[in-house]
Amino acid sequence: YFVYSPGSNELDITSQQSSERYLKKLGHVDILINIAGISPSGLFDSFSAADLEKTLAVNTVGPFRLMSLVLPRMLRKKSGRIINLASLSALVSFPNYSIYSASKFALRALGLSAYHELSARGVYVTTVCPGALASSSEVPPNSARNRVPFLRWLLPFTNPSDVAAKIIGSLDQSPPPPEIIIGRDSALIYAMFKF
């Protein structure tokens, strides 16, 4: 498992040295699931460039770093799976989540490009975009779900166990899809944008 833990003896995905040391301990990696992430929220003008850099370091650069480190051996074996956990915020930007959404849009773009580049070489990258998770920290009080009861019914929260089941299920698919959309909110928004 991969965690963002600055200064940790286990793994700090924002550190090249820590990532290399940790992966060396593991040996060959057949499946990489990038799930570490931070989710800052607030008004756009409350964030600094340092806030954006930290969010990108954890949510985008960290997964890219781990992908880069496991890829050479996967490509030599012509086999491997990489799963990047993005978000509903990788499909559409919401108020108060500007830098989080930027980082997840970037992660989604990386994953989709990598899928098309690497799948012919036996390595599959799947981007998972779940809707708002039931276990997420509280929804901001001014959010649409809190203000409009109909939306809570129409767009229920996504259960984390459903996300885990979809990820595990995708490992049996050959080839796996480039993208998995989970939750009614993600599916509805994804369909609207495709339409």
C-alpha atoms as a PDB file:
ATOM      1  CA  TYR A   1       0.000   0.000   0.000  1.00  0.00           C
ATOM      2  CA  PHE A   2       1.164   3.526  -0.623  1.00  0.00           C
ATOM      3  CA  VAL A   3       0.761   6.416   1.765  1.00  0.00           C
ATOM      4  CA  TYR A   4       1.714  10.058   1.775  1.00  0.00           C
ATOM      5  CA  SER A   5       3.638  10.541   4.969  1.00  0.00           C
ATOM      6  CA  PRO A   6       6.304  13.259   4.914  1.00  0.00           C
ATOM      7  CA  GLY A   7       9.357  12.180   6.849  1.00  0.00           C
ATOM      8  CA  SER A   8       8.027   8.631   7.199  1.00  0.00           C
ATOM      9  CA  ASN A   9      10.378   5.657   7.285  1.00  0.00           C
ATOM     10  CA  GLU A  10       7.854   3.790   5.142  1.00  0.00           C
ATOM     11  CA  LEU A  11       7.062   5.902   2.110  1.00  0.00           C
ATOM     12  CA  ASP A  12       6.793   9.570   1.295  1.00  0.00           C
ATOM     13  CA  ILE A  13       5.502   9.676  -2.271  1.00  0.00           C
ATOM     14  CA  THR A  14       6.653  13.288  -2.551  1.00  0.00           C
ATOM     15  CA  SER A  15      10.269  12.116  -2.175  1.00  0.00           C
ATOM     16  CA  GLN A  16      12.173  10.387  -4.978  1.00  0.00           C
ATOM     17  CA  GLN A  17      14.630   8.871  -2.488  1.00  0.00           C
ATOM     18  CA  SER A  18      11.901   7.538  -0.193  1.00  0.00           C
ATOM     19  CA  SER A  19       9.960   6.092  -3.145  1.00  0.00           C
ATOM     20  CA  GLU A  20      13.025   4.381  -4.606  1.00  0.00           C
ATOM     21  CA  ARG A  21      14.012   2.936  -1.223  1.00  0.00           C
ATOM     22  CA  TYR A  22      10.501   1.621  -0.522  1.00  0.00           C
ATOM     23  CA  LEU A  23      10.044   0.037  -3.939  1.00  0.00           C
ATOM     24  CA  LYS A  24      13.489  -1.554  -3.715  1.00  0.00           C
ATOM     25  CA  LYS A  25      12.352  -3.213  -0.463  1.00  0.00           C
ATOM     26  CA  LEU A  26       9.223  -4.535  -2.194  1.00  0.00           C
ATOM     27  CA  GLY A  27      11.022  -5.956  -5.200  1.00  0.00           C
ATOM     28  CA  HIS A  28       8.995  -6.480  -8.382  1.00  0.00           C
ATOM     29  CA  VAL A  29       5.569  -4.848  -8.436  1.00  0.00           C
ATOM     30  CA  ASP A  30       2.932  -6.468 -10.662  1.00  0.00           C
ATOM     31  CA  ILE A  31       0.088  -4.163  -9.608  1.00  0.00           C
ATOM     32  CA  LEU A  32       0.400  -0.558  -8.464  1.00  0.00           C
ATOM     33  CA  ILE A  33      -2.659   1.158  -7.032  1.00  0.00           C
ATOM     34  CA  ASN A  34      -2.126   4.876  -6.425  1.00  0.00           C
ATOM     35  CA  ILE A  35      -4.636   5.847  -3.751  1.00  0.00           C
ATOM     36  CA  ALA A  36      -2.778   8.437  -1.677  1.00  0.00           C
ATOM     37  CA  GLY A  37      -4.300  11.894  -1.858  1.00  0.00           C
ATOM     38  CA  ILE A  38      -5.112  15.097  -0.059  1.00  0.00           C
ATOM     39  CA  SER A  39      -8.256  17.141  -0.591  1.00  0.00           C
ATOM     40  CA  PRO A  40      -7.850  20.788   0.362  1.00  0.00           C
ATOM     41  CA  SER A  41     -10.978  22.897   0.102  1.00  0.00           C
ATOM     42  CA  GLY A  42     -11.592  26.611   0.365  1.00  0.00           C
ATOM     43  CA  LEU A  43     -12.067  29.743  -1.648  1.00  0.00           C
ATOM     44  CA  PHE A  44      -9.735  30.112  -4.621  1.00  0.00           C
ATOM     45  CA  ASP A  45      -8.151  33.266  -3.232  1.00  0.00           C
ATOM     46  CA  SER A  46      -7.406  31.559   0.096  1.00  0.00           C
ATOM     47  CA  PHE A  47      -4.824  29.246  -1.514  1.00  0.00           C
ATOM     48  CA  SER A  48      -1.179  30.025  -2.116  1.00  0.00           C
ATOM     49  CA  ALA A  49       1.131  28.700  -4.807  1.00  0.00           C
ATOM     50  CA  ALA A  50       2.678  26.518  -2.076  1.00  0.00           C
ATOM     51  CA  ASP A  51      -0.770  24.955  -1.426  1.00  0.00           C
ATOM     52  CA  LEU A  52      -1.095  24.088  -5.106  1.00  0.00           C
ATOM     53  CA  GLU A  53       2.451  22.718  -5.268  1.00  0.00           C
ATOM     54  CA  LYS A  54       1.839  20.479  -2.239  1.00  0.00           C
ATOM     55  CA  THR A  55      -1.462  19.196  -3.640  1.00  0.00           C
ATOM     56  CA  LEU A  56       0.103  18.428  -7.022  1.00  0.00           C
ATOM     57  CA  ALA A  57       3.094  16.790  -5.298  1.00  0.00           C
ATOM     58  CA  VAL A  58       0.815  14.333  -3.497  1.00  0.00           C
ATOM     59  CA  ASN A  59      -2.068  13.849  -5.944  1.00  0.00           C
ATOM     60  CA  THR A  60      -0.258  13.998  -9.291  1.00  0.00           C
ATOM     61  CA  VAL A  61       3.531  13.956  -9.097  1.00  0.00           C
ATOM     62  CA  GLY A  62       3.606  11.220  -6.433  1.00  0.00           C
ATOM     63  CA  PRO A  63       1.574   8.759  -8.538  1.00  0.00           C
ATOM     64  CA  PHE A  64       3.623   9.702 -11.622  1.00  0.00           C
ATOM     65  CA  ARG A  65       6.831   9.050  -9.648  1.00  0.00           C
ATOM     66  CA  LEU A  66       5.673   5.574  -8.560  1.00  0.00           C
ATOM     67  CA  MET A  67       4.480   4.744 -12.075  1.00  0.00           C
ATOM     68  CA  SER A  68       7.861   5.757 -13.477  1.00  0.00           C
ATOM     69  CA  LEU A  69       9.680   3.599 -10.959  1.00  0.00           C
ATOM     70  CA  VAL A  70       7.659   0.405 -11.545  1.00  0.00           C
ATOM     71  CA  LEU A  71       7.318   0.744 -15.316  1.00  0.00           C
ATOM     72  CA  PRO A  72      10.767  -0.403 -16.508  1.00  0.00           C
ATOM     73  CA  ARG A  73      10.365  -3.898 -15.083  1.00  0.00           C
ATOM     74  CA  MET A  74       6.689  -4.121 -16.076  1.00  0.00           C
ATOM     75  CA  LEU A  75       7.654  -3.225 -19.631  1.00  0.00           C
ATOM     76  CA  ARG A  76      10.466  -5.784 -19.693  1.00  0.00           C
ATOM     77  CA  LYS A  77       7.947  -8.461 -18.602  1.00  0.00           C
ATOM     78  CA  LYS A  78       5.297  -6.984 -20.933  1.00  0.00           C
ATOM     79  CA  SER A  79       2.874  -7.277 -18.042  1.00  0.00           C
ATOM     80  CA  GLY A  80       1.533  -5.027 -15.314  1.00  0.00           C
ATOM     81  CA  ARG A  81      -1.419  -3.080 -14.010  1.00  0.00           C
ATOM     82  CA  ILE A  82      -1.463   0.472 -12.699  1.00  0.00           C
ATOM     83  CA  ILE A  83      -4.595   1.941 -11.190  1.00  0.00           C
ATOM     84  CA  ASN A  84      -4.840   5.626 -10.344  1.00  0.00           C
ATOM     85  CA  LEU A  85      -7.611   6.761  -8.044  1.00  0.00           C
ATOM     86  CA  ALA A  86      -8.841  10.071  -9.412  1.00  0.00           C
ATOM     87  CA  SER A  87     -12.214  11.542  -8.476  1.00  0.00           C
ATOM     88  CA  LEU A  88     -15.488  13.011  -9.605  1.00  0.00           C
ATOM     89  CA  SER A  89     -13.420  16.217  -9.399  1.00  0.00           C
ATOM     90  CA  ALA A  90     -11.334  14.874 -12.298  1.00  0.00           C
ATOM     91  CA  LEU A  91     -14.462  15.096 -14.460  1.00  0.00           C
ATOM     92  CA  VAL A  92     -15.857  18.464 -13.380  1.00  0.00           C
ATOM     93  CA  SER A  93     -14.650  21.321 -11.184  1.00  0.00           C
ATOM     94  CA  PHE A  94     -16.687  22.352  -8.170  1.00  0.00           C
ATOM     95  CA  PRO A  95     -16.539  25.595  -6.186  1.00  0.00           C
ATOM     96  CA  ASN A  96     -14.102  25.459  -3.235  1.00  0.00           C
ATOM     97  CA  TYR A  97     -12.102  22.581  -4.748  1.00  0.00           C
ATOM     98  CA  SER A  98     -10.013  24.397  -7.373  1.00  0.00           C
ATOM     99  CA  ILE A  99      -6.560  23.020  -6.552  1.00  0.00           C
ATOM    100  CA  TYR A 100      -7.849  19.542  -5.677  1.00  0.00           C
ATOM    101  CA  SER A 101      -9.702  19.393  -8.979  1.00  0.00           C
ATOM    102  CA  ALA A 102      -6.630  20.648 -10.872  1.00  0.00           C
ATOM    103  CA  SER A 103      -4.548  17.836  -9.388  1.00  0.00           C
ATOM    104  CA  LYS A 104      -7.127  15.159 -10.190  1.00  0.00           C
ATOM    105  CA  PHE A 105      -7.732  16.431 -13.745  1.00  0.00           C
ATOM    106  CA  ALA A 106      -3.966  16.168 -14.250  1.00  0.00           C
ATOM    107  CA  LEU A 107      -3.851  12.637 -12.789  1.00  0.00           C
ATOM    108  CA  ARG A 108      -6.695  11.571 -15.070  1.00  0.00           C
ATOM    109  CA  ALA A 109      -4.935  13.025 -18.120  1.00  0.00           C
ATOM    110  CA  LEU A 110      -1.705  11.219 -17.196  1.00  0.00           C
ATOM    111  CA  GLY A 111      -3.527   7.931 -16.783  1.00  0.00           C
ATOM    112  CA  LEU A 112      -5.497   8.153 -20.020  1.00  0.00           C
ATOM    113  CA  SER A 113      -2.421   9.058 -22.052  1.00  0.00           C
ATOM    114  CA  ALA A 114      -0.396   6.294 -20.392  1.00  0.00           C
ATOM    115  CA  TYR A 115      -3.144   3.760 -21.136  1.00  0.00           C
ATOM    116  CA  HIS A 116      -2.974   4.487 -24.851  1.00  0.00           C
ATOM    117  CA  GLU A 117       0.833   4.505 -24.912  1.00  0.00           C
ATOM    118  CA  LEU A 118       1.487   1.436 -22.766  1.00  0.00           C
ATOM    119  CA  SER A 119      -1.366  -0.993 -23.458  1.00  0.00           C
ATOM    120  CA  ALA A 120       0.209  -2.211 -26.712  1.00  0.00           C
ATOM    121  CA  ARG A 121       3.292  -3.058 -24.632  1.00  0.00           C
ATOM    122  CA  GLY A 122       1.400  -5.170 -22.076  1.00  0.00           C
ATOM    123  CA  VAL A 123       1.013  -2.614 -19.271  1.00  0.00           C
ATOM    124  CA  TYR A 124      -2.459  -1.275 -18.535  1.00  0.00           C
ATOM    125  CA  VAL A 125      -3.206   1.959 -16.709  1.00  0.00           C
ATOM    126  CA  THR A 126      -6.761   2.444 -15.456  1.00  0.00           C
ATOM    127  CA  THR A 127      -8.076   5.677 -14.004  1.00  0.00           C
ATOM    128  CA  VAL A 128     -10.859   5.304 -11.439  1.00  0.00           C
ATOM    129  CA  CYS A 129     -13.234   8.233 -10.928  1.00  0.00           C
ATOM    130  CA  PRO A 130     -15.542   7.592  -7.976  1.00  0.00           C
ATOM    131  CA  GLY A 131     -18.258   9.976  -6.927  1.00  0.00           C
ATOM    132  CA  ALA A 132     -18.289  11.673  -3.553  1.00  0.00           C
ATOM    133  CA  LEU A 133     -17.489   8.970  -1.014  1.00  0.00           C
ATOM    134  CA  ALA A 134     -19.704   8.207   1.962  1.00  0.00           C
ATOM    135  CA  SER A 135     -16.622   8.206   4.160  1.00  0.00           C
ATOM    136  CA  SER A 136     -15.446  11.635   2.984  1.00  0.00           C
ATOM    137  CA  SER A 137     -15.080  14.258   5.634  1.00  0.00           C
ATOM    138  CA  GLU A 138     -18.211  16.302   5.986  1.00  0.00           C
ATOM    139  CA  VAL A 139     -19.720  17.955   2.947  1.00  0.00           C
ATOM    140  CA  PRO A 140     -19.316  21.740   3.055  1.00  0.00           C
ATOM    141  CA  PRO A 141     -22.482  23.298   4.569  1.00  0.00           C
ATOM    142  CA  ASN A 142     -23.088  25.456   1.490  1.00  0.00           C
ATOM    143  CA  SER A 143     -22.818  22.534  -0.939  1.00  0.00           C
ATOM    144  CA  ALA A 144     -25.720  21.715  -3.228  1.00  0.00           C
ATOM    145  CA  ARG A 145     -26.241  18.319  -1.524  1.00  0.00           C
ATOM    146  CA  ASN A 146     -26.766  20.018   1.822  1.00  0.00           C
ATOM    147  CA  ARG A 147     -29.036  22.735   0.446  1.00  0.00           C
ATOM    148  CA  VAL A 148     -31.234  20.615  -1.838  1.00  0.00           C
ATOM    149  CA  PRO A 149     -32.619  17.369  -0.325  1.00  0.00           C
ATOM    150  CA  PHE A 150     -33.613  16.130  -3.806  1.00  0.00           C
ATOM    151  CA  LEU A 151     -29.927  16.081  -4.778  1.00  0.00           C
ATOM    152  CA  ARG A 152     -29.062  13.869  -1.810  1.00  0.00           C
ATOM    153  CA  TRP A 153     -31.638  11.387  -3.103  1.00  0.00           C
ATOM    154  CA  LEU A 154     -30.710  11.769  -6.792  1.00  0.00           C
ATOM    155  CA  LEU A 155     -26.957  11.655  -6.204  1.00  0.00           C
ATOM    156  CA  PRO A 156     -26.292   9.434  -3.202  1.00  0.00           C
ATOM    157  CA  PHE A 157     -22.780   9.126  -1.839  1.00  0.00           C
ATOM    158  CA  THR A 158     -20.597   6.355  -3.233  1.00  0.00           C
ATOM    159  CA  ASN A 159     -19.746   3.499  -0.900  1.00  0.00           C
ATOM    160  CA  PRO A 160     -15.961   2.929  -0.575  1.00  0.00           C
ATOM    161  CA  SER A 161     -16.528  -0.846  -0.668  1.00  0.00           C
ATOM    162  CA  ASP A 162     -18.096  -0.429  -4.140  1.00  0.00           C
ATOM    163  CA  VAL A 163     -14.951   1.382  -5.277  1.00  0.00           C
ATOM    164  CA  ALA A 164     -12.737  -1.388  -3.896  1.00  0.00           C
ATOM    165  CA  ALA A 165     -14.885  -4.063  -5.579  1.00  0.00           C
ATOM    166  CA  LYS A 166     -14.695  -2.298  -8.967  1.00  0.00           C
ATOM    167  CA  ILE A 167     -10.919  -1.947  -8.687  1.00  0.00           C
ATOM    168  CA  ILE A 168     -10.496  -5.619  -7.785  1.00  0.00           C
ATOM    169  CA  GLY A 169     -12.917  -6.631 -10.547  1.00  0.00           C
ATOM    170  CA  SER A 170     -10.945  -4.645 -13.125  1.00  0.00           C
ATOM    171  CA  LEU A 171      -7.873  -6.776 -12.392  1.00  0.00           C
ATOM    172  CA  ASP A 172      -9.666  -9.759 -13.963  1.00  0.00           C
ATOM    173  CA  GLN A 173     -10.598  -7.850 -17.116  1.00  0.00           C
ATOM    174  CA  SER A 174      -8.401  -8.340 -20.135  1.00  0.00           C
ATOM    175  CA  PRO A 175      -7.925  -5.767 -21.368  1.00  0.00           C
ATOM    176  CA  PRO A 176      -9.097  -3.542 -18.545  1.00  0.00           C
ATOM    177  CA  PRO A 177     -10.854  -0.291 -19.411  1.00  0.00           C
ATOM    178  CA  PRO A 178      -8.852   2.937 -19.528  1.00  0.00           C
ATOM    179  CA  GLU A 179     -11.344   4.533 -17.155  1.00  0.00           C
ATOM    180  CA  ILE A 180     -13.871   3.388 -14.569  1.00  0.00           C
ATOM    181  CA  ILE A 181     -16.630   5.734 -13.468  1.00  0.00           C
ATOM    182  CA  ILE A 182     -18.228   4.800 -10.127  1.00  0.00           C
ATOM    183  CA  GLY A 183     -21.273   6.299  -8.420  1.00  0.00           C
ATOM    184  CA  ARG A 184     -24.435   7.852  -9.725  1.00  0.00           C
ATOM    185  CA  ASP A 185     -23.051  11.396  -9.484  1.00  0.00           C
ATOM    186  CA  SER A 186     -19.916  10.567 -11.500  1.00  0.00           C
ATOM    187  CA  ALA A 187     -21.873   8.553 -14.070  1.00  0.00           C
ATOM    188  CA  LEU A 188     -24.432  11.324 -14.572  1.00  0.00           C
ATOM    189  CA  ILE A 189     -21.833  14.068 -14.933  1.00  0.00           C
ATOM    190  CA  TYR A 190     -19.661  11.892 -17.202  1.00  0.00           C
ATOM    191  CA  ALA A 191     -22.660  11.139 -19.453  1.00  0.00           C
ATOM    192  CA  MET A 192     -23.638  14.819 -19.577  1.00  0.00           C
ATOM    193  CA  PHE A 193     -20.147  15.853 -20.643  1.00  0.00           C
ATOM    194  CA  LYS A 194     -19.891  13.080 -23.254  1.00  0.00           C
ATOM    195  CA  PHE A 195     -23.311  14.112 -24.633  1.00  0.00           C
END
